[in-house]
């Protein structure tokens, strides 16, 4: 039995063997520390019923002005941290459809918005709409990406890929398997190769050697690709209908439920500034892949919904999660909480002791 004197009150407690090493005395860095458990991050939520957000959040981007732009099933929304401003068919004449599937800010500060009925550009507080009459192969725009040369790539439904270069829209990939494909995702690796994720045809990589296809025969988790994300060392993460794959050169490593994924439908994927990989699943919440191991954070932990359709890592390193029902954010903080979820025998702590080796002992 150990007695600790706190002020004038004597508190008796039994100290259990739950040592906690003290955290380094340094400022909290930007981003989500990979050494923490998922439940140790600060979670904040903006449920649909308590905000002006409407519909499933399909895409997000933070622009250079600091706004978080949110593309949803029922329109485009601008969030400044406090207020949410909607742009839709009711408020903005250029919106013919409210379904927003893709957002991208180019190097000139233009915000491109892919909808189910046209491509929109937001510049100087005004919208311009582009359609097949302007050269697009389809009005259903599913994905957007600007490469290192400043070319805007546009993925469509059943009409392949378009490019915007020199102010002119033109189809790309004629007489290739991409010509009539549905392109859900586009990204570029750190070597300048472009990747196209398709609905049923796997992934296509385009580089100086030409166009190459990767599918289940080469080890891809599934041929229906939902999302792509640039990884480190020339790798690309591929979220599919049947798991997560890592494509690096000609090598593919795939992860499924057997490896710990809470759900094999990977709707969104992101590698953050620490190299941690985040997977948004269709029904299994968010999964984190770190050091070869998966952990999950779900509605049981407070998420507004377990369908994670989109991610955005903001400039401070906070992780925004767009779901089928509401917006969520995970961020780090100055304080780290330890509970039974992290291995404590009990959440009630009566006393704390630091021994001569610097180990912290907790009495519960």
Protein backbone atom coordinates (compact mmCIF):
# COMPACT_ATOMS: atom_id res chain seq x y z
CA UNK A 1 0.00 0.00 0.00
CA UNK A 2 1.34 3.41 -0.97
CA UNK A 3 0.18 6.72 0.48
CA UNK A 4 0.53 9.93 -1.52
CA UNK A 5 -0.10 13.24 0.22
CA UNK A 6 -2.04 15.62 -2.00
CA UNK A 7 -2.37 18.90 -0.18
CA UNK A 8 -3.92 18.13 3.23
CA UNK A 9 -5.70 15.00 2.01
CA UNK A 10 -4.15 11.55 2.29
CA UNK A 11 -5.19 9.20 -0.52
CA UNK A 12 -4.56 5.45 -0.32
CA UNK A 13 -4.31 3.38 -3.46
CA UNK A 14 -2.80 0.23 -4.87
CA UNK A 15 -0.32 0.83 -7.66
CA UNK A 16 -0.78 -1.67 -10.48
CA UNK A 17 1.97 -2.50 -12.93
CA UNK A 18 0.93 -0.20 -15.74
CA UNK A 19 4.09 1.78 -16.54
CA UNK A 20 3.77 4.75 -18.86
CA UNK A 21 6.90 6.28 -20.30
CA UNK A 22 6.72 10.06 -20.24
CA UNK A 23 6.37 11.82 -23.56
CA UNK A 24 9.33 13.88 -24.77
CA UNK A 25 9.14 17.49 -23.65
CA UNK A 26 8.87 19.08 -27.06
CA UNK A 27 6.17 20.98 -28.94
CA UNK A 28 3.44 18.90 -30.56
CA UNK A 29 4.35 18.65 -34.27
CA UNK A 30 1.83 19.28 -37.00
CA UNK A 31 -0.03 16.16 -38.02
CA UNK A 32 -1.30 13.02 -36.35
CA UNK A 33 1.47 11.40 -34.34
CA UNK A 34 1.77 7.79 -35.55
CA UNK A 35 2.84 6.67 -32.07
CA UNK A 36 -0.62 7.34 -30.64
CA UNK A 37 -3.61 5.04 -30.59
CA UNK A 38 -6.51 6.15 -32.78
CA UNK A 39 -8.61 6.79 -29.68
CA UNK A 40 -5.98 9.22 -28.37
CA UNK A 41 -6.63 11.73 -31.14
CA UNK A 42 -9.16 14.48 -30.63
CA UNK A 43 -12.30 13.65 -32.60
CA UNK A 44 -14.79 16.31 -33.68
CA UNK A 45 -17.97 15.81 -35.67
CA UNK A 46 -20.39 17.88 -37.70
CA UNK A 47 -23.46 15.67 -38.16
CA UNK A 48 -25.67 16.35 -41.17
CA UNK A 49 -28.71 17.18 -39.06
CA UNK A 50 -26.82 19.89 -37.15
CA UNK A 51 -25.18 21.64 -40.12
CA UNK A 52 -26.05 22.97 -43.56
CA UNK A 53 -24.25 20.02 -45.13
CA UNK A 54 -26.53 17.86 -47.26
CA UNK A 55 -25.86 14.40 -48.63
CA UNK A 56 -22.88 12.08 -48.66
CA UNK A 57 -19.50 13.85 -48.73
CA UNK A 58 -17.76 12.51 -51.82
CA UNK A 59 -14.70 14.77 -52.06
CA UNK A 60 -12.85 17.53 -50.17
CA UNK A 61 -9.98 19.95 -50.72
CA UNK A 62 -8.41 22.78 -48.73
CA UNK A 63 -7.59 25.74 -50.96
CA UNK A 64 -4.74 28.20 -50.52
CA UNK A 65 -7.18 30.65 -48.90
CA UNK A 66 -7.65 28.16 -46.08
CA UNK A 67 -11.24 27.20 -46.84
CA UNK A 68 -12.29 23.57 -46.74
CA UNK A 69 -14.39 22.91 -49.83
CA UNK A 70 -16.74 19.95 -49.59
CA UNK A 71 -18.29 18.19 -52.56
CA UNK A 72 -21.41 16.27 -51.62
CA UNK A 73 -24.41 14.52 -53.06
CA UNK A 74 -26.46 17.68 -52.64
CA UNK A 75 -24.05 20.41 -53.68
CA UNK A 76 -20.79 22.21 -52.98
CA UNK A 77 -20.07 23.65 -49.54
CA UNK A 78 -17.42 26.06 -48.27
CA UNK A 79 -16.41 25.70 -44.62
CA UNK A 80 -14.33 28.32 -42.81
CA UNK A 81 -14.21 26.47 -39.49
CA UNK A 82 -17.40 28.06 -38.21
CA UNK A 83 -19.77 28.79 -41.07
CA UNK A 84 -20.83 26.58 -43.97
CA UNK A 85 -21.84 28.26 -47.24
CA UNK A 86 -23.74 26.14 -49.80
CA UNK A 87 -23.54 26.40 -53.59
CA UNK A 88 -26.18 24.41 -55.47
CA UNK A 89 -28.96 24.56 -58.04
CA UNK A 90 -31.02 26.71 -55.69
CA UNK A 91 -28.35 29.36 -55.14
CA UNK A 92 -25.99 29.19 -58.13
CA UNK A 93 -27.26 29.26 -61.76
CA UNK A 94 -24.16 27.46 -63.09
CA UNK A 95 -25.08 24.35 -61.08
CA UNK A 96 -27.29 22.17 -63.26
CA UNK A 97 -26.66 19.18 -60.97
CA UNK A 98 -26.00 19.10 -57.24
CA UNK A 99 -23.93 15.90 -57.34
CA UNK A 100 -20.26 16.85 -56.83
CA UNK A 101 -17.80 13.97 -57.28
CA UNK A 102 -14.42 15.69 -57.68
CA UNK A 103 -12.58 18.82 -56.50
CA UNK A 104 -9.12 20.08 -57.37
CA UNK A 105 -7.30 23.40 -56.95
CA UNK A 106 -4.81 24.06 -59.74
CA UNK A 107 -1.53 25.95 -59.55
CA UNK A 108 -3.24 29.20 -60.56
CA UNK A 109 -5.72 28.99 -57.69
CA UNK A 110 -8.71 27.92 -59.78
CA UNK A 111 -11.05 25.48 -58.05
CA UNK A 112 -12.31 22.80 -60.44
CA UNK A 113 -15.56 21.06 -59.61
CA UNK A 114 -16.63 17.83 -61.26
CA UNK A 115 -20.39 17.26 -61.23
CA UNK A 116 -22.79 14.76 -62.79
CA UNK A 117 -23.73 17.39 -65.38
CA UNK A 118 -20.67 19.38 -66.32
CA UNK A 119 -17.31 20.68 -65.14
CA UNK A 120 -17.24 23.96 -63.22
CA UNK A 121 -14.40 26.39 -62.52
CA UNK A 122 -14.52 28.76 -59.55
CA UNK A 123 -12.34 31.84 -59.91
CA UNK A 124 -12.64 35.37 -58.53
CA UNK A 125 -15.88 34.43 -56.75
CA UNK A 126 -17.64 33.36 -59.95
CA UNK A 127 -18.41 30.02 -61.60
CA UNK A 128 -17.93 28.98 -65.23
CA UNK A 129 -19.49 25.76 -66.57
CA UNK A 130 -18.00 23.51 -69.27
CA UNK A 131 -19.80 20.66 -71.06
CA UNK A 132 -19.55 18.45 -74.14
CA UNK A 133 -20.25 21.59 -76.17
CA UNK A 134 -16.83 22.83 -75.02
CA UNK A 135 -15.02 19.63 -75.97
CA UNK A 136 -15.58 17.27 -73.03
CA UNK A 137 -16.35 13.67 -73.98
CA UNK A 138 -18.95 13.42 -71.18
CA UNK A 139 -20.72 15.74 -68.76
CA UNK A 140 -20.35 13.23 -65.93
CA UNK A 141 -17.02 14.17 -64.31
CA UNK A 142 -15.77 11.74 -61.66
CA UNK A 143 -12.10 12.66 -61.09
CA UNK A 144 -9.70 15.58 -61.52
CA UNK A 145 -5.94 15.98 -61.31
CA UNK A 146 -3.33 18.50 -62.46
CA UNK A 147 0.06 17.03 -63.33
CA UNK A 148 3.46 18.63 -62.78
CA UNK A 149 3.32 20.21 -66.26
CA UNK A 150 0.09 22.04 -65.47
CA UNK A 151 -2.18 19.81 -67.58
CA UNK A 152 -5.60 19.15 -66.04
CA UNK A 153 -6.74 15.52 -66.37
CA UNK A 154 -10.45 14.78 -66.25
CA UNK A 155 -11.92 11.33 -65.62
CA UNK A 156 -15.46 10.70 -66.83
CA UNK A 157 -18.17 8.05 -66.75
CA UNK A 158 -18.10 5.74 -69.78
CA UNK A 159 -16.14 8.25 -71.86
CA UNK A 160 -12.58 7.87 -70.65
CA UNK A 161 -10.13 10.66 -69.97
CA UNK A 162 -10.01 14.28 -71.13
CA UNK A 163 -7.22 16.83 -70.83
CA UNK A 164 -7.28 20.60 -70.57
CA UNK A 165 -4.11 22.07 -72.01
CA UNK A 166 -3.65 25.56 -73.40
CA UNK A 167 -7.29 26.33 -72.69
CA UNK A 168 -8.55 23.51 -74.94
CA UNK A 169 -10.42 20.36 -73.86
CA UNK A 170 -9.66 17.20 -75.79
CA UNK A 171 -10.18 13.45 -75.31
CA UNK A 172 -7.13 11.36 -74.42
CA UNK A 173 -6.42 7.67 -74.82
CA UNK A 174 -8.24 7.03 -78.08
CA UNK A 175 -7.94 3.43 -79.29
CA UNK A 176 -6.83 2.29 -75.82
CA UNK A 177 -8.81 0.43 -73.12
CA UNK A 178 -9.37 3.80 -71.43
CA UNK A 179 -11.27 5.29 -74.37
CA UNK A 180 -14.73 4.27 -73.14
CA UNK A 181 -13.81 3.60 -69.55
CA UNK A 182 -15.18 4.95 -66.30
CA UNK A 183 -12.32 6.65 -64.44
CA UNK A 184 -12.97 7.06 -60.72
CA UNK A 185 -9.52 8.31 -59.71
CA UNK A 186 -6.37 9.93 -61.12
CA UNK A 187 -3.02 10.58 -59.42
CA UNK A 188 0.68 11.04 -60.12
CA UNK A 189 3.58 9.33 -58.38
CA UNK A 190 6.68 11.16 -57.23
CA UNK A 191 8.42 10.27 -60.48
CA UNK A 192 5.81 11.85 -62.73
CA UNK A 193 3.96 8.73 -63.88
CA UNK A 194 0.17 9.08 -64.09
CA UNK A 195 -2.31 6.51 -62.79
CA UNK A 196 -5.95 6.00 -63.71
CA UNK A 197 -8.29 3.94 -61.52
CA UNK A 198 -11.17 2.44 -63.46
CA UNK A 199 -14.50 0.76 -62.75
CA UNK A 200 -13.69 -2.82 -63.73
CA UNK A 201 -10.43 -2.48 -65.64
CA UNK A 202 -8.02 -2.10 -62.75
CA UNK A 203 -5.29 0.56 -62.79
CA UNK A 204 -3.52 2.02 -65.81
CA UNK A 205 -0.11 3.66 -65.54
CA UNK A 206 1.09 6.12 -68.16
CA UNK A 207 4.77 7.04 -68.43
CA UNK A 208 7.47 7.44 -71.07
CA UNK A 209 7.13 3.75 -71.98
CA UNK A 210 3.42 4.01 -72.72
CA UNK A 211 0.24 2.75 -71.05
CA UNK A 212 0.38 -0.33 -68.81
CA UNK A 213 -2.49 -2.12 -67.08
CA UNK A 214 -2.45 -3.68 -63.59
CA UNK A 215 -5.34 -5.91 -62.54
CA UNK A 216 -6.23 -8.94 -60.44
CA UNK A 217 -4.06 -11.19 -62.57
CA UNK A 218 -1.02 -9.20 -61.41
CA UNK A 219 -2.17 -9.20 -57.78
CA UNK A 220 -4.45 -6.16 -57.51
CA UNK A 221 -7.04 -6.65 -54.77
CA UNK A 222 -9.94 -5.99 -57.18
CA UNK A 223 -10.46 -4.59 -60.67
CA UNK A 224 -13.03 -2.02 -59.52
CA UNK A 225 -10.86 0.85 -58.30
CA UNK A 226 -12.45 3.44 -56.01
CA UNK A 227 -9.50 5.66 -55.10
CA UNK A 228 -5.81 6.37 -55.66
CA UNK A 229 -3.24 8.15 -53.51
CA UNK A 230 0.39 9.03 -53.99
CA UNK A 231 2.72 7.16 -51.67
CA UNK A 232 6.39 7.45 -50.84
CA UNK A 233 9.30 6.10 -52.92
CA UNK A 234 7.39 5.97 -56.18
CA UNK A 235 4.47 3.98 -54.79
CA UNK A 236 0.74 4.48 -55.30
CA UNK A 237 -2.01 3.27 -52.97
CA UNK A 238 -5.06 1.76 -54.64
CA UNK A 239 -8.42 1.51 -52.88
CA UNK A 240 -10.60 -1.15 -54.48
CA UNK A 241 -13.89 -2.95 -54.06
CA UNK A 242 -11.98 -5.90 -52.58
CA UNK A 243 -9.20 -4.43 -50.48
CA UNK A 244 -6.18 -2.12 -50.49
CA UNK A 245 -3.21 -2.51 -52.84
CA UNK A 246 0.22 -0.89 -52.96
CA UNK A 247 1.63 -0.53 -56.46
CA UNK A 248 5.36 0.15 -56.72
CA UNK A 249 7.10 -0.38 -60.01
CA UNK A 250 5.84 -3.75 -61.21
CA UNK A 251 5.26 -5.02 -57.68
CA UNK A 252 1.83 -5.20 -56.04
CA UNK A 253 1.11 -5.90 -52.37
CA UNK A 254 -2.55 -6.30 -51.41
CA UNK A 255 -4.31 -6.16 -48.05
CA UNK A 256 -7.72 -7.62 -47.23
CA UNK A 257 -9.75 -8.62 -44.18
CA UNK A 258 -7.23 -11.42 -43.60
CA UNK A 259 -4.63 -8.72 -42.97
CA UNK A 260 -6.85 -6.79 -40.58
CA UNK A 261 -8.96 -4.48 -42.75
CA UNK A 262 -12.31 -3.91 -41.04
CA UNK A 263 -14.03 -3.82 -44.44
CA UNK A 264 -12.62 -4.68 -47.87
CA UNK A 265 -14.48 -1.94 -49.76
CA UNK A 266 -11.90 0.87 -49.72
CA UNK A 267 -13.68 4.03 -50.85
CA UNK A 268 -10.86 6.47 -50.09
CA UNK A 269 -7.16 6.31 -49.31
CA UNK A 270 -4.49 8.81 -48.21
CA UNK A 271 -0.86 8.67 -47.10
CA UNK A 272 -0.19 11.47 -44.61
CA UNK A 273 2.97 13.48 -43.93
CA UNK A 274 4.26 10.81 -41.52
CA UNK A 275 3.82 8.01 -44.04
CA UNK A 276 0.78 6.63 -42.24
CA UNK A 277 -1.81 5.20 -44.64
CA UNK A 278 -5.50 5.90 -44.02
CA UNK A 279 -8.25 3.80 -45.60
CA UNK A 280 -11.86 4.91 -45.70
CA UNK A 281 -14.07 1.86 -45.97
CA UNK A 282 -17.64 1.24 -47.00
CA UNK A 283 -19.12 0.25 -43.66
CA UNK A 284 -16.03 -0.39 -41.52
CA UNK A 285 -15.08 3.16 -40.59
CA UNK A 286 -11.55 4.46 -41.03
CA UNK A 287 -8.57 2.12 -40.94
CA UNK A 288 -4.99 3.13 -40.22
CA UNK A 289 -2.07 1.13 -41.63
CA UNK A 290 1.14 1.65 -39.70
CA UNK A 291 4.14 -0.68 -39.52
CA UNK A 292 2.19 -3.39 -41.34
CA UNK A 293 -0.70 -3.41 -38.86
CA UNK A 294 -4.28 -2.10 -39.20
CA UNK A 295 -6.35 -0.40 -36.52
CA UNK A 296 -9.83 1.05 -36.93
CA UNK A 297 -11.98 3.94 -35.72
CA UNK A 298 -15.73 3.58 -36.21
CA UNK A 299 -19.14 4.90 -35.18
CA UNK A 300 -18.61 3.08 -31.89
CA UNK A 301 -15.83 5.60 -31.26
CA UNK A 302 -18.00 8.55 -32.31
CA UNK A 303 -17.83 8.73 -36.11
CA UNK A 304 -21.03 10.10 -37.62
CA UNK A 305 -21.09 7.21 -40.10
CA UNK A 306 -18.97 4.18 -41.02
CA UNK A 307 -18.94 4.90 -44.77
CA UNK A 308 -15.79 7.00 -45.29
CA UNK A 309 -15.98 8.39 -48.81
CA UNK A 310 -13.24 11.03 -48.75
CA UNK A 311 -10.19 12.36 -46.89
CA UNK A 312 -8.42 15.69 -46.68
CA UNK A 313 -5.22 16.39 -44.76
CA UNK A 314 -5.17 20.12 -44.09
CA UNK A 315 -2.10 22.34 -43.81
CA UNK A 316 -1.94 21.78 -40.03
CA UNK A 317 -1.96 18.02 -40.51
CA UNK A 318 -5.50 17.49 -39.25
CA UNK A 319 -7.37 14.68 -41.00
CA UNK A 320 -10.87 15.44 -42.30
CA UNK A 321 -13.19 12.53 -43.02
CA UNK A 322 -16.19 12.83 -45.31
CA UNK A 323 -18.87 10.24 -44.65
CA UNK A 324 -22.30 9.28 -45.94
CA UNK A 325 -23.75 11.28 -43.06
CA UNK A 326 -21.62 14.13 -41.79
CA UNK A 327 -18.13 15.58 -41.51
CA UNK A 328 -15.48 14.44 -39.01
CA UNK A 329 -12.01 15.59 -38.01
CA UNK A 330 -9.15 13.87 -36.21
CA UNK A 331 -6.43 16.07 -34.75
CA UNK A 332 -3.59 15.83 -32.30
CA UNK A 333 -3.42 17.79 -29.09
CA UNK A 334 -1.15 18.91 -26.26
CA UNK A 335 -2.61 16.23 -23.97
CA UNK A 336 -2.59 12.46 -24.48
CA UNK A 337 -5.35 10.42 -22.84
CA UNK A 338 -4.82 6.86 -21.58
CA UNK A 339 -7.84 4.67 -20.86
CA UNK A 340 -8.79 1.00 -20.86
CA UNK A 341 -8.71 1.19 -24.66
CA UNK A 342 -4.94 1.72 -24.43
CA UNK A 343 -4.41 -1.08 -21.89
CA UNK A 344 -5.27 0.50 -18.53
CA UNK A 345 -6.87 -1.88 -16.02
CA UNK A 346 -9.42 0.80 -15.10
CA UNK A 347 -10.32 4.32 -16.22
CA UNK A 348 -10.36 5.65 -12.63
CA UNK A 349 -6.85 6.77 -11.60
CA UNK A 350 -6.26 7.48 -7.90
CA UNK A 351 -2.55 8.21 -7.84
CA UNK A 352 0.53 8.65 -10.00
CA UNK A 353 4.19 7.93 -9.22
CA UNK A 354 7.37 8.44 -11.24
CA UNK A 355 10.24 6.14 -10.27
CA UNK A 356 13.96 6.92 -10.50
CA UNK A 357 14.13 5.49 -14.03
CA UNK A 358 11.47 7.91 -15.27
CA UNK A 359 8.70 5.30 -15.56
CA UNK A 360 5.24 6.53 -14.58
CA UNK A 361 3.16 4.19 -12.36
CA UNK A 362 -0.59 4.63 -12.08
CA UNK A 363 -2.84 3.51 -9.25
CA UNK A 364 -6.37 2.55 -10.28
